Each structure stands twice: as C-alpha cells, then as structure tokens.
C-alpha cells in the first residue's frame, strides 16, 4: 500500500480521494454535509405555537417584551405580504391597558385574537381551533 500524499502534494484524482484529507503534521479533516434539521413548514409551525402561547399568557395581563417574542414575530412577518397583524400582536400582547376595567381587558383580548387571526391569514394557514 502506498503512503498517503502530504497536503499540497500529489493528485486529488484517483484512489487517494476519500472523505478524509491529511494535513501537514498528521491532522485529519473530515468533510461534513450540512443537513437541515427542520423544514420551513416545521419552523413556521413552531413559531406559530409560540404566538399561541403568548396569546394564552396575555389573557392574564401584558407579557414581557422579550427578544424571543420579537424574533418569532419578525420571522413570521418576513414570510407575509403585510406587516400590520404582527405589529398589532406585539402592541397588544406587550402593552399595558389604559385602564383595568373589564371592558378594556376584554377589548385587548379581542384585539389580540384578531391580530393572531390576521397573522394566520397573512401566512395562508388555517388556524387550528
């Protein structure tokens, strides 16, 4: 068996070509193929599940304006033709009501429901009931 050529020597064509390449000093490097772990549909479904969780938490009051929520809404908005439902969802989920009357809380929840329905419509996905 002939010795492996050192890095930079010999021909890459022929029997020396493999999934591993030798480097000077005896190091070895493998060739990795990047495989997507999630499909686009799966990522969108996960982002929508996060929006649904925000709606659930926002029924008890404003949620924290976290970078995670900002990212999920931006990720989804990047795939939609119009941005307004994402902005409304952010404002209604994170903003405090002007007053704490039952009517104001009910209106805030209804506005958030409409915004999330708008998100689903912008993405052309039927919202699960």
N, C-alpha and C. Protein backbone atom coordinates (compact mmCIF):
# COMPACT_ATOMS: atom_id res chain seq x y z
N UNK A 1 0.85 -1.17 0.00
CA UNK A 1 0.00 0.00 0.00
C UNK A 1 0.89 1.24 0.00
N UNK A 2 0.63 2.17 -0.89
CA UNK A 2 1.46 3.36 -0.98
C UNK A 2 1.07 4.37 0.09
N UNK A 3 2.04 5.14 0.57
CA UNK A 3 1.71 6.13 1.61
C UNK A 3 0.84 7.25 1.04
N UNK A 4 0.02 7.82 1.92
CA UNK A 4 -0.85 8.94 1.56
C UNK A 4 0.02 10.15 1.24
N UNK A 5 -0.28 10.89 0.17
CA UNK A 5 0.49 12.11 -0.10
C UNK A 5 0.19 13.16 0.97
N UNK A 6 1.19 13.97 1.25
CA UNK A 6 1.01 15.05 2.23
C UNK A 6 0.14 16.14 1.62
N UNK A 7 -0.41 16.97 2.43
CA UNK A 7 -1.26 18.07 1.99
C UNK A 7 -0.50 18.92 0.98
N UNK A 8 -1.11 19.17 -0.17
CA UNK A 8 -0.49 20.00 -1.18
C UNK A 8 0.37 19.22 -2.15
N UNK A 9 0.54 17.93 -1.92
CA UNK A 9 1.34 17.10 -2.82
C UNK A 9 0.44 16.06 -3.46
N UNK A 10 0.80 15.63 -4.63
CA UNK A 10 0.08 14.55 -5.28
C UNK A 10 -1.18 15.03 -5.95
N UNK A 11 -1.87 14.10 -6.52
CA UNK A 11 -3.07 14.39 -7.28
C UNK A 11 -4.30 14.11 -6.44
N UNK A 12 -5.35 14.94 -6.61
CA UNK A 12 -6.59 14.68 -5.90
C UNK A 12 -7.46 13.68 -6.65
N UNK A 13 -7.13 13.46 -7.91
CA UNK A 13 -7.88 12.49 -8.69
C UNK A 13 -7.32 11.10 -8.41
N UNK A 14 -8.14 10.13 -8.54
CA UNK A 14 -7.66 8.77 -8.39
C UNK A 14 -7.97 8.18 -7.04
N UNK A 15 -7.27 7.14 -6.67
CA UNK A 15 -7.60 6.39 -5.47
C UNK A 15 -7.36 7.13 -4.17
N UNK A 16 -6.60 8.25 -4.16
CA UNK A 16 -6.33 8.94 -2.92
C UNK A 16 -7.54 9.72 -2.41
N UNK A 17 -8.51 10.01 -3.27
CA UNK A 17 -9.64 10.84 -2.86
C UNK A 17 -10.55 10.04 -1.93
N UNK A 18 -10.83 10.62 -0.79
CA UNK A 18 -11.72 9.99 0.18
C UNK A 18 -12.45 11.07 0.95
N UNK A 19 -13.21 10.67 1.93
CA UNK A 19 -13.93 11.63 2.76
C UNK A 19 -13.00 12.31 3.75
N UNK A 20 -11.76 11.86 3.84
CA UNK A 20 -10.81 12.44 4.77
C UNK A 20 -9.61 12.96 4.01
N UNK A 21 -9.06 14.07 4.45
CA UNK A 21 -7.87 14.65 3.85
C UNK A 21 -6.81 14.80 4.92
N UNK A 22 -5.58 14.48 4.57
CA UNK A 22 -4.49 14.62 5.53
C UNK A 22 -3.94 16.03 5.47
N UNK A 23 -3.60 16.60 6.62
CA UNK A 23 -2.99 17.91 6.73
C UNK A 23 -1.56 17.74 7.18
N UNK A 24 -0.72 18.77 6.96
CA UNK A 24 0.66 18.71 7.47
C UNK A 24 0.63 18.46 8.98
N UNK A 25 1.50 17.68 9.45
CA UNK A 25 1.55 17.37 10.87
C UNK A 25 0.69 16.17 11.23
N UNK A 26 0.07 15.57 10.26
CA UNK A 26 -0.70 14.35 10.52
C UNK A 26 -2.14 14.57 10.90
N UNK A 27 -2.63 15.81 10.92
CA UNK A 27 -4.02 16.06 11.26
C UNK A 27 -4.97 15.53 10.19
N UNK A 28 -6.18 15.28 10.57
CA UNK A 28 -7.17 14.77 9.63
C UNK A 28 -8.40 15.65 9.70
N UNK A 29 -9.00 15.91 8.56
CA UNK A 29 -10.22 16.71 8.49
C UNK A 29 -11.26 15.92 7.72
N UNK A 30 -12.44 15.81 8.25
CA UNK A 30 -13.49 15.12 7.51
C UNK A 30 -14.36 16.14 6.79
N UNK A 31 -15.06 15.70 5.80
CA UNK A 31 -15.96 16.55 5.03
C UNK A 31 -17.37 16.30 5.55
N UNK A 32 -18.01 17.34 6.05
CA UNK A 32 -19.35 17.22 6.60
C UNK A 32 -20.35 17.80 5.61
N UNK A 33 -21.48 17.17 5.53
CA UNK A 33 -22.56 17.67 4.70
C UNK A 33 -23.61 18.23 5.65
N UNK A 34 -23.99 19.50 5.45
CA UNK A 34 -24.99 20.13 6.30
C UNK A 34 -26.38 19.61 5.92
N UNK A 35 -27.07 19.09 6.90
CA UNK A 35 -28.41 18.58 6.69
C UNK A 35 -29.37 19.46 7.49
N UNK A 36 -30.40 19.97 6.84
CA UNK A 36 -31.38 20.78 7.54
C UNK A 36 -32.10 19.92 8.56
N UNK A 37 -32.22 20.44 9.74
CA UNK A 37 -32.88 19.68 10.80
C UNK A 37 -34.39 19.86 10.78
N UNK A 38 -34.86 21.05 10.39
CA UNK A 38 -36.29 21.32 10.33
C UNK A 38 -36.64 21.89 8.97
N UNK A 39 -37.80 21.54 8.49
CA UNK A 39 -38.27 22.12 7.23
C UNK A 39 -38.83 23.52 7.51
N UNK A 40 -39.04 24.28 6.47
CA UNK A 40 -39.62 25.62 6.60
C UNK A 40 -41.00 25.54 7.27
N UNK A 41 -41.79 24.56 6.88
CA UNK A 41 -43.13 24.39 7.45
C UNK A 41 -43.06 24.09 8.95
N UNK A 42 -42.09 23.27 9.34
CA UNK A 42 -41.94 22.95 10.76
C UNK A 42 -41.53 24.18 11.56
N UNK A 43 -40.63 24.99 11.01
CA UNK A 43 -40.21 26.21 11.72
C UNK A 43 -41.36 27.19 11.86
N UNK A 44 -42.15 27.33 10.81
CA UNK A 44 -43.32 28.22 10.89
C UNK A 44 -44.31 27.70 11.92
N UNK A 45 -44.53 26.39 11.95
CA UNK A 45 -45.45 25.80 12.93
C UNK A 45 -44.95 26.05 14.35
N UNK A 46 -43.66 25.94 14.58
CA UNK A 46 -43.10 26.20 15.90
C UNK A 46 -43.24 27.67 16.29
N UNK A 47 -43.03 28.56 15.34
CA UNK A 47 -43.18 29.99 15.60
C UNK A 47 -44.64 30.32 15.92
N UNK A 48 -45.57 29.72 15.18
CA UNK A 48 -46.99 29.94 15.44
C UNK A 48 -47.40 29.37 16.80
N UNK A 49 -46.82 28.26 17.19
CA UNK A 49 -47.09 27.70 18.53
C UNK A 49 -46.63 28.68 19.61
N UNK A 50 -45.52 29.36 19.37
CA UNK A 50 -45.04 30.36 20.33
C UNK A 50 -46.01 31.54 20.39
N UNK A 51 -46.55 31.96 19.25
CA UNK A 51 -47.54 33.05 19.22
C UNK A 51 -48.80 32.62 19.98
N UNK A 52 -49.22 31.38 19.80
CA UNK A 52 -50.39 30.88 20.54
C UNK A 52 -50.13 30.89 22.04
N UNK A 53 -48.92 30.54 22.45
CA UNK A 53 -48.57 30.56 23.87
C UNK A 53 -48.59 31.99 24.42
N UNK A 54 -48.15 32.94 23.61
CA UNK A 54 -48.19 34.35 24.02
C UNK A 54 -49.64 34.78 24.21
N UNK A 55 -50.52 34.38 23.30
CA UNK A 55 -51.93 34.73 23.45
C UNK A 55 -52.49 34.18 24.76
N UNK A 56 -52.13 32.95 25.07
CA UNK A 56 -52.59 32.33 26.32
C UNK A 56 -52.12 33.12 27.54
N UNK A 57 -50.84 33.49 27.56
CA UNK A 57 -50.29 34.23 28.70
C UNK A 57 -50.82 35.66 28.75
N UNK A 58 -51.09 36.25 27.60
CA UNK A 58 -51.54 37.65 27.56
C UNK A 58 -52.97 37.82 28.07
N UNK A 59 -53.70 36.74 28.22
CA UNK A 59 -55.06 36.85 28.75
C UNK A 59 -55.05 37.27 30.22
N UNK A 60 -53.93 37.06 30.89
CA UNK A 60 -53.82 37.41 32.30
C UNK A 60 -53.13 38.75 32.51
N UNK A 61 -52.73 39.39 31.42
CA UNK A 61 -52.06 40.68 31.50
C UNK A 61 -50.96 40.75 30.46
N UNK A 62 -50.32 41.89 30.34
CA UNK A 62 -49.27 42.05 29.34
C UNK A 62 -48.12 41.06 29.56
N UNK A 63 -47.53 40.59 28.48
CA UNK A 63 -46.36 39.72 28.57
C UNK A 63 -45.11 40.57 28.41
N UNK A 64 -44.00 40.05 28.87
CA UNK A 64 -42.74 40.78 28.77
C UNK A 64 -42.33 40.93 27.30
N UNK A 65 -41.86 42.09 26.90
CA UNK A 65 -41.41 42.29 25.52
C UNK A 65 -40.02 41.68 25.30
N UNK A 66 -39.98 40.38 25.21
CA UNK A 66 -38.70 39.66 25.14
C UNK A 66 -38.14 39.63 23.72
N UNK A 67 -36.83 39.44 23.61
CA UNK A 67 -36.23 39.28 22.28
C UNK A 67 -36.77 38.04 21.55
N UNK A 68 -37.15 37.02 22.31
CA UNK A 68 -37.69 35.80 21.69
C UNK A 68 -39.01 36.09 20.98
N UNK A 69 -39.89 36.83 21.64
CA UNK A 69 -41.16 37.18 21.02
C UNK A 69 -40.92 38.09 19.82
N UNK A 70 -40.02 39.03 19.96
CA UNK A 70 -39.68 39.92 18.85
C UNK A 70 -39.17 39.12 17.65
N UNK A 71 -38.32 38.12 17.91
CA UNK A 71 -37.78 37.30 16.83
C UNK A 71 -38.87 36.46 16.16
N UNK A 72 -39.72 35.84 16.95
CA UNK A 72 -40.78 35.00 16.38
C UNK A 72 -41.68 35.82 15.47
N UNK A 73 -42.08 37.01 15.92
CA UNK A 73 -42.94 37.86 15.09
C UNK A 73 -42.20 38.35 13.84
N UNK A 74 -40.93 38.69 13.99
CA UNK A 74 -40.16 39.14 12.82
C UNK A 74 -39.95 38.00 11.83
N UNK A 75 -39.70 36.81 12.34
CA UNK A 75 -39.52 35.64 11.48
C UNK A 75 -40.77 35.37 10.66
N UNK A 76 -41.92 35.42 11.32
CA UNK A 76 -43.18 35.18 10.60
C UNK A 76 -43.52 36.34 9.67
N UNK A 77 -43.28 37.57 10.11
CA UNK A 77 -43.60 38.74 9.28
C UNK A 77 -42.76 38.75 8.01
N UNK A 78 -41.58 38.19 8.07
CA UNK A 78 -40.71 38.12 6.90
C UNK A 78 -41.30 37.22 5.81
N UNK A 79 -42.27 36.40 6.15
CA UNK A 79 -42.89 35.49 5.20
C UNK A 79 -44.30 35.92 4.79
N UNK A 80 -44.69 37.10 5.19
CA UNK A 80 -46.05 37.57 4.93
C UNK A 80 -46.02 38.84 4.07
N UNK A 81 -47.08 39.05 3.26
CA UNK A 81 -47.11 40.25 2.42
C UNK A 81 -47.35 41.55 3.20
N UNK A 82 -48.09 41.48 4.32
CA UNK A 82 -48.38 42.68 5.11
C UNK A 82 -47.88 42.50 6.54
N UNK A 83 -47.51 43.61 7.15
CA UNK A 83 -46.89 43.56 8.47
C UNK A 83 -47.85 43.91 9.61
N UNK A 84 -48.97 44.53 9.32
CA UNK A 84 -49.81 45.09 10.38
C UNK A 84 -50.24 44.10 11.46
N UNK A 85 -50.60 42.84 11.15
CA UNK A 85 -51.05 41.99 12.26
C UNK A 85 -49.92 41.66 13.24
N UNK A 86 -48.70 41.64 12.76
CA UNK A 86 -47.56 41.34 13.63
C UNK A 86 -47.29 42.51 14.57
N UNK A 87 -47.39 43.74 14.03
CA UNK A 87 -47.24 44.93 14.87
C UNK A 87 -48.35 45.02 15.91
N UNK A 88 -49.57 44.74 15.49
CA UNK A 88 -50.70 44.77 16.43
C UNK A 88 -50.55 43.71 17.51
N UNK A 89 -50.10 42.53 17.12
CA UNK A 89 -49.89 41.46 18.10
C UNK A 89 -48.87 41.90 19.14
N UNK A 90 -47.77 42.50 18.68
CA UNK A 90 -46.74 42.98 19.60
C UNK A 90 -47.31 44.03 20.55
N UNK A 91 -48.00 45.03 19.99
CA UNK A 91 -48.52 46.12 20.83
C UNK A 91 -49.53 45.61 21.84
N UNK A 92 -50.45 44.75 21.40
CA UNK A 92 -51.50 44.27 22.29
C UNK A 92 -50.99 43.27 23.32
N UNK A 93 -50.03 42.44 22.94
CA UNK A 93 -49.52 41.43 23.88
C UNK A 93 -48.61 42.05 24.93
N UNK A 94 -47.82 43.04 24.54
CA UNK A 94 -46.83 43.59 25.47
C UNK A 94 -47.25 44.89 26.14
N UNK A 95 -48.22 45.58 25.56
CA UNK A 95 -48.62 46.87 26.11
C UNK A 95 -49.63 46.74 27.23
N UNK A 96 -49.51 47.61 28.21
CA UNK A 96 -50.47 47.63 29.31
C UNK A 96 -51.75 48.33 28.84
N UNK A 97 -52.87 47.87 29.35
CA UNK A 97 -54.14 48.50 29.04
C UNK A 97 -54.18 49.90 29.66
N UNK A 98 -54.90 50.78 29.00
CA UNK A 98 -55.01 52.15 29.52
C UNK A 98 -55.72 52.17 30.87
N UNK A 99 -56.67 51.30 31.03
CA UNK A 99 -57.32 51.15 32.33
C UNK A 99 -57.57 49.66 32.56
N UNK A 100 -57.91 49.31 33.76
CA UNK A 100 -58.06 47.90 34.09
C UNK A 100 -59.53 47.48 34.19
N UNK A 101 -60.41 48.21 33.55
CA UNK A 101 -61.82 47.82 33.58
C UNK A 101 -62.00 46.53 32.78
N UNK A 102 -63.08 45.84 33.07
CA UNK A 102 -63.36 44.59 32.36
C UNK A 102 -63.50 44.83 30.86
N UNK A 103 -64.08 45.95 30.48
CA UNK A 103 -64.27 46.25 29.06
C UNK A 103 -62.92 46.45 28.37
N UNK A 104 -61.98 47.12 29.02
CA UNK A 104 -60.66 47.35 28.42
C UNK A 104 -59.89 46.03 28.28
N UNK A 105 -59.97 45.19 29.29
CA UNK A 105 -59.29 43.89 29.23
C UNK A 105 -59.91 43.03 28.14
N UNK A 106 -61.24 43.03 28.05
CA UNK A 106 -61.93 42.27 27.01
C UNK A 106 -61.55 42.78 25.62
N UNK A 107 -61.51 44.09 25.45
CA UNK A 107 -61.15 44.68 24.16
C UNK A 107 -59.72 44.34 23.76
N UNK A 108 -58.82 44.34 24.74
CA UNK A 108 -57.43 43.97 24.47
C UNK A 108 -57.32 42.53 24.02
N UNK A 109 -58.03 41.63 24.69
CA UNK A 109 -58.01 40.21 24.30
C UNK A 109 -58.60 40.01 22.92
N UNK A 110 -59.68 40.72 22.62
CA UNK A 110 -60.31 40.61 21.30
C UNK A 110 -59.39 41.15 20.21
N UNK A 111 -58.72 42.25 20.50
CA UNK A 111 -57.77 42.81 19.53
C UNK A 111 -56.61 41.86 19.27
N UNK A 112 -56.12 41.20 20.32
CA UNK A 112 -55.04 40.24 20.17
C UNK A 112 -55.51 39.03 19.37
N UNK A 113 -56.72 38.58 19.62
CA UNK A 113 -57.29 37.47 18.86
C UNK A 113 -57.38 37.83 17.38
N UNK A 114 -57.84 39.03 17.08
CA UNK A 114 -57.93 39.48 15.69
C UNK A 114 -56.55 39.58 15.04
N UNK A 115 -55.56 40.07 15.78
CA UNK A 115 -54.20 40.19 15.25
C UNK A 115 -53.63 38.81 14.94
N UNK A 116 -53.83 37.85 15.82
CA UNK A 116 -53.30 36.50 15.59
C UNK A 116 -54.05 35.83 14.43
N UNK A 117 -55.34 36.05 14.33
CA UNK A 117 -56.07 35.55 13.17
C UNK A 117 -55.51 36.16 11.88
N UNK A 118 -55.16 37.45 11.94
CA UNK A 118 -54.56 38.13 10.80
C UNK A 118 -53.20 37.54 10.44
N UNK A 119 -52.44 37.14 11.44
CA UNK A 119 -51.13 36.51 11.18
C UNK A 119 -51.33 35.22 10.40
N UNK A 120 -52.27 34.41 10.84
CA UNK A 120 -52.55 33.16 10.13
C UNK A 120 -53.00 33.43 8.70
N UNK A 121 -53.85 34.44 8.52
CA UNK A 121 -54.33 34.75 7.16
C UNK A 121 -53.20 35.24 6.28
N UNK A 122 -52.30 36.06 6.83
CA UNK A 122 -51.17 36.55 6.05
C UNK A 122 -50.26 35.40 5.60
N UNK A 123 -50.16 34.39 6.44
CA UNK A 123 -49.31 33.24 6.13
C UNK A 123 -50.07 32.18 5.31
N UNK A 124 -51.36 32.43 5.07
CA UNK A 124 -52.23 31.50 4.33
C UNK A 124 -52.27 30.12 4.98
N UNK A 125 -52.43 30.13 6.29
CA UNK A 125 -52.52 28.91 7.07
C UNK A 125 -53.82 28.96 7.86
N UNK A 126 -54.53 27.85 7.89
CA UNK A 126 -55.77 27.79 8.65
C UNK A 126 -55.42 27.63 10.13
N UNK A 127 -56.03 28.47 10.93
CA UNK A 127 -55.75 28.43 12.37
C UNK A 127 -56.48 27.25 13.01
N UNK A 128 -55.78 26.45 13.79
CA UNK A 128 -56.45 25.33 14.48
C UNK A 128 -57.40 25.86 15.55
N UNK A 129 -58.46 25.19 15.74
CA UNK A 129 -59.47 25.62 16.74
C UNK A 129 -59.23 24.97 18.07
